[in-house]
């Protein structure tokens, strides 16, 4: 499968299969599962960058989703192999960040869904928004994932 042109070459990638438990009454993957796949890819990308839950607790803040924007393009079906791409986008401001997602079917490269998540960095004790520390700003600097970067 060719790399989708809308996805930066260094975007995080996570492959998975559509399981029987992912299927809804219309016999395709439920839209809630698509949200979960995007969230799982974001968490795995963060883990890969060295920011798992214990590390976030150590620095006293963690990202939580504020808003999901998802375009469902094509259905996916049980047994299909999919790839989720994800990467940080848009300038990070104080406590706000954004992350893009594209999920494709590996067999033919068809886009299943595109998403944009809005994240808030919150204090792990109080659950209130807080300014991201420099280590977060550097690690998740969106310019690292710009097309052509």
Protein backbone atom coordinates (compact mmCIF):
# COMPACT_ATOMS: atom_id res chain seq x y z
CA UNK A 1 0.00 0.00 0.00
CA UNK A 2 1.28 3.46 -0.90
CA UNK A 3 1.63 6.05 1.83
CA UNK A 4 -1.40 8.42 1.68
CA UNK A 5 -0.32 11.81 0.27
CA UNK A 6 -2.14 13.71 3.03
CA UNK A 7 -0.14 11.94 5.75
CA UNK A 8 3.37 13.10 6.71
CA UNK A 9 6.00 10.39 6.01
CA UNK A 10 6.98 10.26 9.70
CA UNK A 11 3.42 10.02 11.08
CA UNK A 12 2.90 7.33 13.71
CA UNK A 13 1.40 4.12 12.26
CA UNK A 14 -0.59 1.41 14.01
CA UNK A 15 -1.91 -1.67 12.18
CA UNK A 16 -4.86 -3.71 13.45
CA UNK A 17 -7.68 -5.98 12.32
CA UNK A 18 -11.40 -5.35 12.43
CA UNK A 19 -12.70 -7.83 15.00
CA UNK A 20 -16.15 -9.42 15.30
CA UNK A 21 -16.79 -7.24 18.38
CA UNK A 22 -16.21 -4.12 16.22
CA UNK A 23 -19.20 -4.88 13.97
CA UNK A 24 -22.57 -3.15 14.36
CA UNK A 25 -26.12 -3.90 13.16
CA UNK A 26 -25.23 -2.74 9.62
CA UNK A 27 -22.48 -5.41 9.49
CA UNK A 28 -19.62 -2.92 9.35
CA UNK A 29 -17.28 -1.43 11.96
CA UNK A 30 -19.19 0.75 14.40
CA UNK A 31 -18.35 4.46 14.34
CA UNK A 32 -17.55 4.33 18.07
CA UNK A 33 -14.80 1.81 17.29
CA UNK A 34 -13.29 4.30 14.82
CA UNK A 35 -13.07 6.87 17.63
CA UNK A 36 -11.46 4.23 19.84
CA UNK A 37 -8.92 3.30 17.16
CA UNK A 38 -7.94 6.96 16.81
CA UNK A 39 -7.61 7.35 20.57
CA UNK A 40 -5.58 4.15 20.85
CA UNK A 41 -3.22 5.34 18.10
CA UNK A 42 -2.76 8.70 19.87
CA UNK A 43 -1.97 6.97 23.17
CA UNK A 44 0.46 4.55 21.49
CA UNK A 45 2.19 7.44 19.73
CA UNK A 46 2.56 9.26 23.04
CA UNK A 47 3.94 6.08 24.64
CA UNK A 48 6.44 5.71 21.79
CA UNK A 49 7.63 9.27 22.42
CA UNK A 50 8.27 8.39 26.07
CA UNK A 51 5.07 9.80 27.54
CA UNK A 52 3.06 7.00 29.12
CA UNK A 53 0.70 7.53 32.08
CA UNK A 54 3.43 7.23 34.75
CA UNK A 55 5.54 9.83 32.91
CA UNK A 56 2.59 12.21 32.68
CA UNK A 57 1.92 11.72 36.39
CA UNK A 58 5.58 12.47 37.08
CA UNK A 59 5.33 15.83 35.30
CA UNK A 60 1.90 16.56 36.80
CA UNK A 61 -0.16 16.91 33.62
CA UNK A 62 -1.80 14.78 30.94
CA UNK A 63 -3.73 15.27 27.69
CA UNK A 64 -7.49 14.70 27.62
CA UNK A 65 -9.72 14.92 24.56
CA UNK A 66 -11.91 18.00 24.37
CA UNK A 67 -13.48 17.40 20.96
CA UNK A 68 -13.52 14.84 18.13
CA UNK A 69 -14.16 15.81 14.51
CA UNK A 70 -14.48 12.72 12.31
CA UNK A 71 -15.39 12.22 8.67
CA UNK A 72 -16.44 8.64 7.97
CA UNK A 73 -15.47 7.95 4.35
CA UNK A 74 -15.84 4.20 3.73
CA UNK A 75 -17.15 1.28 5.77
CA UNK A 76 -14.80 -1.37 7.09
CA UNK A 77 -15.70 -4.99 7.67
CA UNK A 78 -14.78 -7.89 9.91
CA UNK A 79 -11.36 -9.34 9.17
CA UNK A 80 -10.03 -6.36 7.24
CA UNK A 81 -6.58 -5.09 8.14
CA UNK A 82 -6.43 -1.34 8.76
CA UNK A 83 -3.70 1.18 9.47
CA UNK A 84 -4.21 4.23 11.66
CA UNK A 85 -1.91 7.19 11.09
CA UNK A 86 -1.70 10.01 13.63
CA UNK A 87 0.40 13.13 14.18
CA UNK A 88 0.26 16.44 16.07
CA UNK A 89 -0.82 19.49 14.05
CA UNK A 90 -1.45 23.20 14.50
CA UNK A 91 0.48 25.41 16.88
CA UNK A 92 0.25 24.32 20.49
CA UNK A 93 -1.05 27.15 22.65
CA UNK A 94 -0.74 27.15 26.43
CA UNK A 95 -2.89 24.12 27.22
CA UNK A 96 -4.41 23.28 23.81
CA UNK A 97 -3.19 20.89 21.12
CA UNK A 98 -4.56 19.20 18.01
CA UNK A 99 -3.90 15.82 16.44
CA UNK A 100 -4.87 14.49 13.00
CA UNK A 101 -5.82 10.91 12.16
CA UNK A 102 -6.28 8.96 8.94
CA UNK A 103 -7.41 5.33 8.93
CA UNK A 104 -6.93 3.31 5.73
CA UNK A 105 -7.71 -0.21 4.58
CA UNK A 106 -4.41 -1.99 3.87
CA UNK A 107 -5.76 -4.14 1.01
CA UNK A 108 -6.56 -1.21 -1.27
CA UNK A 109 -5.44 1.97 0.52
CA UNK A 110 -9.01 3.27 0.76
CA UNK A 111 -9.51 5.90 3.44
CA UNK A 112 -11.95 4.68 6.07
CA UNK A 113 -11.99 7.85 8.19
CA UNK A 114 -10.24 11.16 8.83
CA UNK A 115 -10.24 12.88 12.18
CA UNK A 116 -9.07 15.89 14.09
CA UNK A 117 -8.93 15.76 17.88
CA UNK A 118 -8.70 18.79 20.12
CA UNK A 119 -6.78 18.05 23.33
CA UNK A 120 -6.39 19.93 26.60
CA UNK A 121 -3.39 19.49 28.87
CA UNK A 122 -4.71 19.19 32.43
CA UNK A 123 -3.24 19.02 35.91
CA UNK A 124 -3.32 15.35 36.99
CA UNK A 125 -4.41 16.19 40.55
CA UNK A 126 -7.02 18.90 39.98
CA UNK A 127 -8.18 18.05 36.47
CA UNK A 128 -7.90 21.70 35.48
CA UNK A 129 -6.23 23.01 32.29
CA UNK A 130 -2.60 23.99 32.75
CA UNK A 131 0.16 25.35 30.55
CA UNK A 132 2.25 22.61 28.95
CA UNK A 133 5.82 22.37 30.22
CA UNK A 134 8.69 22.86 27.73
CA UNK A 135 9.36 19.11 27.47
CA UNK A 136 5.82 18.56 26.16
CA UNK A 137 6.03 21.51 23.77
CA UNK A 138 9.32 20.18 22.37
CA UNK A 139 8.25 16.53 22.13
CA UNK A 140 4.90 17.22 20.45
CA UNK A 141 6.05 20.19 18.34
CA UNK A 142 3.80 19.91 15.26
CA UNK A 143 6.52 21.19 12.89
CA UNK A 144 8.17 17.76 13.22
CA UNK A 145 5.24 16.21 11.34
CA UNK A 146 4.57 18.76 8.62
CA UNK A 147 4.34 17.40 5.10
CA UNK A 148 7.76 17.65 3.57
CA UNK A 149 9.49 17.83 6.98
